């Protein structure tokens, strides 16, 4: 299973559990709405943080792949030049 899906599932479960806990707690309606709003903001902040970490991870992997392709291209260019020299020598 994908790690991102697990993290999102855990965060969603925690948010639902927190909301249900607040809804069933004996408090005034205005207090309950404030608590739900705060939990929603916390959940949104956590989700944004996870998304930014995901983007950073993807960017890092892209840069590594780009470097590998560049190295491969450089090696191929060197090999081609050597093959040209060998062909002229023959």
PDB file of N, CA and C in Angstrom:
ATOM      1  N   UNK A   1       0.850  -1.175   0.000  1.00  0.00           N
ATOM      2  CA  UNK A   1       0.000   0.000   0.000  1.00  0.00           C
ATOM      3  C   UNK A   1       0.893   1.235   0.000  1.00  0.00           C
ATOM      4  N   UNK A   2       0.477   2.254  -0.673  1.00  0.00           N
ATOM      5  CA  UNK A   2       1.236   3.479  -0.796  1.00  0.00           C
ATOM      6  C   UNK A   2       1.285   4.219   0.546  1.00  0.00           C
ATOM      7  N   UNK A   3       2.453   4.703   0.913  1.00  0.00           N
ATOM      8  CA  UNK A   3       2.639   5.396   2.190  1.00  0.00           C
ATOM      9  C   UNK A   3       1.779   6.650   2.264  1.00  0.00           C
ATOM     10  N   UNK A   4       1.666   7.362   1.152  1.00  0.00           N
ATOM     11  CA  UNK A   4       0.852   8.584   1.131  1.00  0.00           C
ATOM     12  C   UNK A   4      -0.595   8.299   1.452  1.00  0.00           C
ATOM     13  N   UNK A   5      -1.103   7.188   0.921  1.00  0.00           N
ATOM     14  CA  UNK A   5      -2.499   6.833   1.192  1.00  0.00           C
ATOM     15  C   UNK A   5      -2.701   6.479   2.655  1.00  0.00           C
ATOM     16  N   UNK A   6      -1.721   5.818   3.242  1.00  0.00           N
ATOM     17  CA  UNK A   6      -1.810   5.451   4.656  1.00  0.00           C
ATOM     18  C   UNK A   6      -1.823   6.705   5.520  1.00  0.00           C
ATOM     19  N   UNK A   7      -0.941   7.650   5.211  1.00  0.00           N
ATOM     20  CA  UNK A   7      -0.860   8.890   5.983  1.00  0.00           C
ATOM     21  C   UNK A   7      -2.168   9.662   5.878  1.00  0.00           C
ATOM     22  N   UNK A   8      -2.698   9.760   4.670  1.00  0.00           N
ATOM     23  CA  UNK A   8      -3.957  10.482   4.482  1.00  0.00           C
ATOM     24  C   UNK A   8      -5.088   9.773   5.235  1.00  0.00           C
ATOM     25  N   UNK A   9      -5.094   8.444   5.188  1.00  0.00           N
ATOM     26  CA  UNK A   9      -6.110   7.690   5.910  1.00  0.00           C
ATOM     27  C   UNK A   9      -6.031   7.901   7.407  1.00  0.00           C
ATOM     28  N   UNK A  10      -4.818   7.913   7.942  1.00  0.00           N
ATOM     29  CA  UNK A  10      -4.636   8.134   9.384  1.00  0.00           C
ATOM     30  C   UNK A  10      -5.084   9.545   9.761  1.00  0.00           C
ATOM     31  N   UNK A  11      -4.699  10.531   8.949  1.00  0.00           N
ATOM     32  CA  UNK A  11      -5.103  11.910   9.246  1.00  0.00           C
ATOM     33  C   UNK A  11      -6.620  12.071   9.164  1.00  0.00           C
ATOM     34  N   UNK A  12      -7.219  11.463   8.160  1.00  0.00           N
ATOM     35  CA  UNK A  12      -8.674  11.554   8.020  1.00  0.00           C
ATOM     36  C   UNK A  12      -9.364  10.869   9.204  1.00  0.00           C
ATOM     37  N   UNK A  13      -8.865   9.714   9.605  1.00  0.00           N
ATOM     38  CA  UNK A  13      -9.432   9.013  10.756  1.00  0.00           C
ATOM     39  C   UNK A  13      -9.306   9.816  12.034  1.00  0.00           C
ATOM     40  N   UNK A  14      -8.148  10.444  12.206  1.00  0.00           N
ATOM     41  CA  UNK A  14      -7.951  11.268  13.404  1.00  0.00           C
ATOM     42  C   UNK A  14      -8.898  12.463  13.399  1.00  0.00           C
ATOM     43  N   UNK A  15      -9.083  13.065  12.227  1.00  0.00           N
ATOM     44  CA  UNK A  15      -9.977  14.221  12.138  1.00  0.00           C
ATOM     45  C   UNK A  15     -11.421  13.816  12.428  1.00  0.00           C
ATOM     46  N   UNK A  16     -11.865  12.715  11.854  1.00  0.00           N
ATOM     47  CA  UNK A  16     -13.232  12.245  12.095  1.00  0.00           C
ATOM     48  C   UNK A  16     -13.421  11.901  13.565  1.00  0.00           C
ATOM     49  N   UNK A  17     -12.444  11.230  14.154  1.00  0.00           N
ATOM     50  CA  UNK A  17     -12.532  10.881  15.574  1.00  0.00           C
ATOM     51  C   UNK A  17     -12.594  12.116  16.459  1.00  0.00           C
ATOM     52  N   UNK A  18     -11.789  13.119  16.121  1.00  0.00           N
ATOM     53  CA  UNK A  18     -11.795  14.352  16.911  1.00  0.00           C
ATOM     54  C   UNK A  18     -13.136  15.068  16.792  1.00  0.00           C
ATOM     55  N   UNK A  19     -13.669  15.112  15.575  1.00  0.00           N
ATOM     56  CA  UNK A  19     -14.959  15.784  15.379  1.00  0.00           C
ATOM     57  C   UNK A  19     -16.065  15.052  16.127  1.00  0.00           C
ATOM     58  N   UNK A  20     -16.090  13.737  16.048  1.00  0.00           N
ATOM     59  CA  UNK A  20     -17.109  12.976  16.763  1.00  0.00           C
ATOM     60  C   UNK A  20     -16.969  13.150  18.274  1.00  0.00           C
ATOM     61  N   UNK A  21     -15.735  13.179  18.742  1.00  0.00           N
ATOM     62  CA  UNK A  21     -15.512  13.388  20.170  1.00  0.00           C
ATOM     63  C   UNK A  21     -16.025  14.734  20.635  1.00  0.00           C
ATOM     64  N   UNK A  22     -15.819  15.747  19.829  1.00  0.00           N
ATOM     65  CA  UNK A  22     -16.285  17.086  20.177  1.00  0.00           C
ATOM     66  C   UNK A  22     -17.810  17.154  20.110  1.00  0.00           C
ATOM     67  N   UNK A  23     -18.390  16.503  19.091  1.00  0.00           N
ATOM     68  CA  UNK A  23     -19.846  16.544  18.943  1.00  0.00           C
ATOM     69  C   UNK A  23     -20.575  15.870  20.104  1.00  0.00           C
ATOM     70  N   UNK A  24     -20.003  14.815  20.632  1.00  0.00           N
ATOM     71  CA  UNK A  24     -20.662  14.087  21.719  1.00  0.00           C
ATOM     72  C   UNK A  24     -20.264  14.595  23.109  1.00  0.00           C
ATOM     73  N   UNK A  25     -19.371  15.555  23.164  1.00  0.00           N
ATOM     74  CA  UNK A  25     -18.965  16.117  24.450  1.00  0.00           C
ATOM     75  C   UNK A  25     -20.040  17.111  24.922  1.00  0.00           C
ATOM     76  N   UNK A  26     -20.275  17.147  26.229  1.00  0.00           N
ATOM     77  CA  UNK A  26     -21.286  18.078  26.744  1.00  0.00           C
ATOM     78  C   UNK A  26     -20.739  19.504  26.810  1.00  0.00           C
ATOM     79  N   UNK A  27     -21.000  20.277  25.779  1.00  0.00           N
ATOM     80  CA  UNK A  27     -20.551  21.666  25.744  1.00  0.00           C
ATOM     81  C   UNK A  27     -21.581  22.489  24.992  1.00  0.00           C
ATOM     82  N   UNK A  28     -21.471  23.806  25.135  1.00  0.00           N
ATOM     83  CA  UNK A  28     -22.376  24.700  24.425  1.00  0.00           C
ATOM     84  C   UNK A  28     -22.119  24.593  22.926  1.00  0.00           C
ATOM     85  N   UNK A  29     -23.135  24.873  22.139  1.00  0.00           N
ATOM     86  CA  UNK A  29     -23.030  24.796  20.682  1.00  0.00           C
ATOM     87  C   UNK A  29     -21.936  25.687  20.118  1.00  0.00           C
ATOM     88  N   UNK A  30     -21.820  26.902  20.652  1.00  0.00           N
ATOM     89  CA  UNK A  30     -20.802  27.826  20.153  1.00  0.00           C
ATOM     90  C   UNK A  30     -19.400  27.298  20.455  1.00  0.00           C
ATOM     91  N   UNK A  31     -19.228  26.713  21.636  1.00  0.00           N
ATOM     92  CA  UNK A  31     -17.926  26.123  21.978  1.00  0.00           C
ATOM     93  C   UNK A  31     -17.612  24.943  21.062  1.00  0.00           C
ATOM     94  N   UNK A  32     -18.625  24.141  20.801  1.00  0.00           N
ATOM     95  CA  UNK A  32     -18.447  22.977  19.947  1.00  0.00           C
ATOM     96  C   UNK A  32     -18.063  23.410  18.534  1.00  0.00           C
ATOM     97  N   UNK A  33     -18.725  24.437  18.008  1.00  0.00           N
ATOM     98  CA  UNK A  33     -18.403  24.917  16.667  1.00  0.00           C
ATOM     99  C   UNK A  33     -16.978  25.454  16.604  1.00  0.00           C
ATOM    100  N   UNK A  34     -16.560  26.144  17.656  1.00  0.00           N
ATOM    101  CA  UNK A  34     -15.186  26.654  17.698  1.00  0.00           C
ATOM    102  C   UNK A  34     -14.177  25.503  17.704  1.00  0.00           C
ATOM    103  N   UNK A  35     -14.472  24.479  18.489  1.00  0.00           N
ATOM    104  CA  UNK A  35     -13.577  23.321  18.548  1.00  0.00           C
ATOM    105  C   UNK A  35     -13.503  22.612  17.203  1.00  0.00           C
ATOM    106  N   UNK A  36     -14.652  22.454  16.547  1.00  0.00           N
ATOM    107  CA  UNK A  36     -14.663  21.805  15.229  1.00  0.00           C
ATOM    108  C   UNK A  36     -13.870  22.640  14.231  1.00  0.00           C
ATOM    109  N   UNK A  37     -14.061  23.943  14.286  1.00  0.00           N
ATOM    110  CA  UNK A  37     -13.329  24.833  13.379  1.00  0.00           C
ATOM    111  C   UNK A  37     -11.821  24.721  13.615  1.00  0.00           C
ATOM    112  N   UNK A  38     -11.424  24.688  14.873  1.00  0.00           N
ATOM    113  CA  UNK A  38      -9.997  24.577  15.218  1.00  0.00           C
ATOM    114  C   UNK A  38      -9.434  23.247  14.727  1.00  0.00           C
ATOM    115  N   UNK A  39     -10.172  22.164  14.932  1.00  0.00           N
ATOM    116  CA  UNK A  39      -9.716  20.847  14.480  1.00  0.00           C
ATOM    117  C   UNK A  39      -9.601  20.816  12.955  1.00  0.00           C
ATOM    118  N   UNK A  40     -10.554  21.461  12.275  1.00  0.00           N
ATOM    119  CA  UNK A  40     -10.502  21.534  10.814  1.00  0.00           C
ATOM    120  C   UNK A  40      -9.271  22.280  10.334  1.00  0.00           C
ATOM    121  N   UNK A  41      -8.944  23.374  10.999  1.00  0.00           N
ATOM    122  CA  UNK A  41      -7.751  24.140  10.653  1.00  0.00           C
ATOM    123  C   UNK A  41      -6.494  23.304  10.897  1.00  0.00           C
ATOM    124  N   UNK A  42      -6.463  22.601  12.021  1.00  0.00           N
ATOM    125  CA  UNK A  42      -5.314  21.743  12.319  1.00  0.00           C
ATOM    126  C   UNK A  42      -5.155  20.661  11.259  1.00  0.00           C
ATOM    127  N   UNK A  43      -6.279  20.049  10.876  1.00  0.00           N
ATOM    128  CA  UNK A  43      -6.246  19.013   9.851  1.00  0.00           C
ATOM    129  C   UNK A  43      -5.747  19.584   8.528  1.00  0.00           C
ATOM    130  N   UNK A  44      -6.233  20.767   8.161  1.00  0.00           N
ATOM    131  CA  UNK A  44      -5.808  21.412   6.914  1.00  0.00           C
ATOM    132  C   UNK A  44      -4.316  21.710   6.948  1.00  0.00           C
ATOM    133  N   UNK A  45      -3.837  22.211   8.077  1.00  0.00           N
ATOM    134  CA  UNK A  45      -2.407  22.500   8.205  1.00  0.00           C
ATOM    135  C   UNK A  45      -1.576  21.230   8.075  1.00  0.00           C
ATOM    136  N   UNK A  46      -2.010  20.149   8.718  1.00  0.00           N
ATOM    137  CA  UNK A  46      -1.289  18.873   8.618  1.00  0.00           C
ATOM    138  C   UNK A  46      -1.286  18.360   7.183  1.00  0.00           C
ATOM    139  N   UNK A  47      -2.418  18.488   6.524  1.00  0.00           N
ATOM    140  CA  UNK A  47      -2.533  18.019   5.145  1.00  0.00           C
ATOM    141  C   UNK A  47      -1.625  18.839   4.228  1.00  0.00           C
ATOM    142  N   UNK A  48      -1.575  20.147   4.419  1.00  0.00           N
ATOM    143  CA  UNK A  48      -0.692  21.003   3.624  1.00  0.00           C
ATOM    144  C   UNK A  48       0.764  20.620   3.847  1.00  0.00           C
ATOM    145  N   UNK A  49       1.129  20.362   5.092  1.00  0.00           N
ATOM    146  CA  UNK A  49       2.499  19.978   5.423  1.00  0.00           C
ATOM    147  C   UNK A  49       2.871  18.661   4.734  1.00  0.00           C
ATOM    148  N   UNK A  50       1.983  17.679   4.810  1.00  0.00           N
ATOM    149  CA  UNK A  50       2.240  16.390   4.154  1.00  0.00           C
ATOM    150  C   UNK A  50       2.345  16.552   2.646  1.00  0.00           C
ATOM    151  N   UNK A  51       1.493  17.393   2.069  1.00  0.00           N
ATOM    152  CA  UNK A  51       1.530  17.633   0.629  1.00  0.00           C
ATOM    153  C   UNK A  51       2.846  18.292   0.235  1.00  0.00           C
ATOM    154  N   UNK A  52       3.309  19.259   1.027  1.00  0.00           N
ATOM    155  CA  UNK A  52       4.588  19.914   0.735  1.00  0.00           C
ATOM    156  C   UNK A  52       5.744  18.928   0.844  1.00  0.00           C
ATOM    157  N   UNK A  53       5.687  18.039   1.833  1.00  0.00           N
ATOM    158  CA  UNK A  53       6.722  17.014   1.958  1.00  0.00           C
ATOM    159  C   UNK A  53       6.702  16.091   0.740  1.00  0.00           C
ATOM    160  N   UNK A  54       5.511  15.753   0.279  1.00  0.00           N
ATOM    161  CA  UNK A  54       5.365  14.909  -0.911  1.00  0.00           C
ATOM    162  C   UNK A  54       5.967  15.612  -2.126  1.00  0.00           C
ATOM    163  N   UNK A  55       5.662  16.901  -2.300  1.00  0.00           N
ATOM    164  CA  UNK A  55       6.215  17.652  -3.429  1.00  0.00           C
ATOM    165  C   UNK A  55       7.737  17.727  -3.354  1.00  0.00           C
ATOM    166  N   UNK A  56       8.268  17.945  -2.153  1.00  0.00           N
ATOM    167  CA  UNK A  56       9.726  17.978  -1.981  1.00  0.00           C
ATOM    168  C   UNK A  56      10.343  16.646  -2.355  1.00  0.00           C
ATOM    169  N   UNK A  57       9.705  15.563  -1.944  1.00  0.00           N
ATOM    170  CA  UNK A  57      10.195  14.227  -2.256  1.00  0.00           C
ATOM    171  C   UNK A  57      10.195  13.986  -3.762  1.00  0.00           C
ATOM    172  N   UNK A  58       9.120  14.365  -4.427  1.00  0.00           N
ATOM    173  CA  UNK A  58       9.019  14.199  -5.880  1.00  0.00           C
ATOM    174  C   UNK A  58      10.075  15.058  -6.576  1.00  0.00           C
ATOM    175  N   UNK A  59      10.253  16.276  -6.121  1.00  0.00           N
ATOM    176  CA  UNK A  59      11.257  17.167  -6.722  1.00  0.00           C
ATOM    177  C   UNK A  59      12.656  16.587  -6.573  1.00  0.00           C
ATOM    178  N   UNK A  60      12.938  16.039  -5.389  1.00  0.00           N
ATOM    179  CA  UNK A  60      14.250  15.445  -5.140  1.00  0.00           C
ATOM    180  C   UNK A  60      14.482  14.247  -6.067  1.00  0.00           C
ATOM    181  N   UNK A  61      13.469  13.402  -6.217  1.00  0.00           N
ATOM    182  CA  UNK A  61      13.594  12.242  -7.099  1.00  0.00           C
ATOM    183  C   UNK A  61      13.769  12.679  -8.549  1.00  0.00           C
ATOM    184  N   UNK A  62      13.062  13.732  -8.947  1.00  0.00           N
ATOM    185  CA  UNK A  62      13.189  14.250 -10.309  1.00  0.00           C
ATOM    186  C   UNK A  62      14.601  14.755 -10.550  1.00  0.00           C
ATOM    187  N   UNK A  63      15.167  15.482  -9.597  1.00  0.00           N
ATOM    188  CA  UNK A  63      16.522  16.002  -9.745  1.00  0.00           C
ATOM    189  C   UNK A  63      17.541  14.858  -9.858  1.00  0.00           C
ATOM    190  N   UNK A  64      17.361  13.810  -9.057  1.00  0.00           N
ATOM    191  CA  UNK A  64      18.261  12.653  -9.127  1.00  0.00           C
ATOM    192  C   UNK A  64      18.168  11.992 -10.496  1.00  0.00           C
ATOM    193  N   UNK A  65      16.957  11.834 -10.994  1.00  0.00           N
ATOM    194  CA  UNK A  65      16.774  11.221 -12.311  1.00  0.00           C
ATOM    195  C   UNK A  65      17.388  12.097 -13.393  1.00  0.00           C
ATOM    196  N   UNK A  66      17.233  13.394 -13.261  1.00  0.00           N
ATOM    197  CA  UNK A  66      17.802  14.332 -14.230  1.00  0.00           C
ATOM    198  C   UNK A  66      19.328  14.233 -14.241  1.00  0.00           C
ATOM    199  N   UNK A  67      19.935  14.121 -13.065  1.00  0.00           N
ATOM    200  CA  UNK A  67      21.390  13.976 -12.981  1.00  0.00           C
ATOM    201  C   UNK A  67      21.852  12.661 -13.603  1.00  0.00           C
ATOM    202  N   UNK A  68      21.109  11.593 -13.362  1.00  0.00           N
ATOM    203  CA  UNK A  68      21.462  10.297 -13.934  1.00  0.00           C
ATOM    204  C   UNK A  68      21.398  10.334 -15.457  1.00  0.00           C
ATOM    205  N   UNK A  69      20.372  10.972 -15.990  1.00  0.00           N
ATOM    206  CA  UNK A  69      20.248  11.090 -17.442  1.00  0.00           C
ATOM    207  C   UNK A  69      21.391  11.929 -17.990  1.00  0.00           C
ATOM    208  N   UNK A  70      21.731  12.991 -17.291  1.00  0.00           N
ATOM    209  CA  UNK A  70      22.840  13.847 -17.732  1.00  0.00           C
ATOM    210  C   UNK A  70      24.153  13.068 -17.725  1.00  0.00           C
ATOM    211  N   UNK A  71      24.376  12.279 -16.684  1.00  0.00           N
ATOM    212  CA  UNK A  71      25.597  11.465 -16.612  1.00  0.00           C
ATOM    213  C   UNK A  71      25.625  10.437 -17.735  1.00  0.00           C
ATOM    214  N   UNK A  72      24.494   9.820 -17.994  1.00  0.00           N
ATOM    215  CA  UNK A  72      24.407   8.824 -19.062  1.00  0.00           C
ATOM    216  C   UNK A  72      24.680   9.475 -20.414  1.00  0.00           C
ATOM    217  N   UNK A  73      24.145  10.654 -20.626  1.00  0.00           N
ATOM    218  CA  UNK A  73      24.358  11.381 -21.880  1.00  0.00           C
ATOM    219  C   UNK A  73      25.844  11.713 -22.042  1.00  0.00           C
ATOM    220  N   UNK A  74      26.461  12.156 -20.957  1.00  0.00           N
ATOM    221  CA  UNK A  74      27.885  12.510 -21.006  1.00  0.00           C
ATOM    222  C   UNK A  74      28.727  11.280 -21.347  1.00  0.00           C
ATOM    223  N   UNK A  75      28.423  10.144 -20.720  1.00  0.00           N
ATOM    224  CA  UNK A  75      29.165   8.914 -21.001  1.00  0.00           C
ATOM    225  C   UNK A  75      28.954   8.472 -22.445  1.00  0.00           C
ATOM    226  N   UNK A  76      27.736   8.609 -22.932  1.00  0.00           N
ATOM    227  CA  UNK A  76      27.429   8.226 -24.307  1.00  0.00           C
ATOM    228  C   UNK A  76      28.178   9.120 -25.283  1.00  0.00           C
ATOM    229  N   UNK A  77      28.269  10.403 -24.993  1.00  0.00           N
ATOM    230  CA  UNK A  77      28.989  11.339 -25.852  1.00  0.00           C
ATOM    231  C   UNK A  77      30.470  10.990 -25.891  1.00  0.00           C
ATOM    232  N   UNK A  78      31.042  10.673 -24.747  1.00  0.00           N
ATOM    233  CA  UNK A  78      32.462  10.303 -24.677  1.00  0.00           C
ATOM    234  C   UNK A  78      32.702   9.022 -25.474  1.00  0.00           C
ATOM    235  N   UNK A  79      31.830   8.039 -25.291  1.00  0.00           N
ATOM    236  CA  UNK A  79      31.976   6.774 -26.025  1.00  0.00           C
ATOM    237  C   UNK A  79      31.851   6.992 -27.528  1.00  0.00           C
ATOM    238  N   UNK A  80      30.947   7.862 -27.948  1.00  0.00           N
ATOM    239  CA  UNK A  80      30.769   8.145 -29.372  1.00  0.00           C
ATOM    240  C   UNK A  80      32.006   8.803 -29.945  1.00  0.00           C
ATOM    241  N   UNK A  81      32.573   9.755 -29.211  1.00  0.00           N
ATOM    242  CA  UNK A  81      33.794  10.418 -29.678  1.00  0.00           C
ATOM    243  C   UNK A  81      34.950   9.435 -29.773  1.00  0.00           C
ATOM    244  N   UNK A  82      35.068   8.530 -28.812  1.00  0.00           N
ATOM    245  CA  UNK A  82      36.129   7.521 -28.850  1.00  0.00           C
ATOM    246  C   UNK A  82      35.930   6.574 -30.036  1.00  0.00           C
ATOM    247  N   UNK A  83      34.667   6.209 -30.299  1.00  0.00           N
ATOM    248  CA  UNK A  83      34.378   5.330 -31.439  1.00  0.00           C
ATOM    249  C   UNK A  83      34.728   6.024 -32.748  1.00  0.00           C
ATOM    250  N   UNK A  84      34.469   7.308 -32.856  1.00  0.00           N
ATOM    251  CA  UNK A  84      34.823   8.067 -34.072  1.00  0.00           C
ATOM    252  C   UNK A  84      36.338   8.064 -34.266  1.00  0.00           C
ATOM    253  N   UNK A  85      37.083   8.274 -33.183  1.00  0.00           N
ATOM    254  CA  UNK A  85      38.550   8.293 -33.263  1.00  0.00           C
ATOM    255  C   UNK A  85      39.077   6.922 -33.688  1.00  0.00           C
ATOM    256  N   UNK A  86      38.478   5.866 -33.109  1.00  0.00           N
ATOM    257  CA  UNK A  86      38.897   4.514 -33.464  1.00  0.00           C
ATOM    258  C   UNK A  86      38.578   4.206 -34.921  1.00  0.00           C
ATOM    259  N   UNK A  87      37.470   4.685 -35.419  1.00  0.00           N
ATOM    260  CA  UNK A  87      37.074   4.433 -36.796  1.00  0.00           C
ATOM    261  C   UNK A  87      38.009   5.164 -37.764  1.00  0.00           C
ATOM    262  N   UNK A  88      38.431   6.358 -37.407  1.00  0.00           N
ATOM    263  CA  UNK A  88      39.357   7.105 -38.265  1.00  0.00           C
ATOM    264  C   UNK A  88      40.737   6.471 -38.250  1.00  0.00           C
ATOM    265  N   UNK A  89      41.111   5.888 -37.139  1.00  0.00           N
ATOM    266  CA  UNK A  89      42.435   5.271 -37.022  1.00  0.00           C
ATOM    267  C   UNK A  89      42.541   4.024 -37.868  1.00  0.00           C
ATOM    268  N   UNK A  90      41.433   3.369 -38.101  1.00  0.00           N
ATOM    269  CA  UNK A  90      41.441   2.103 -38.857  1.00  0.00           C
ATOM    270  C   UNK A  90      41.501   2.365 -40.277  1.00  0.00           C
TER     271      UNK A  90
END
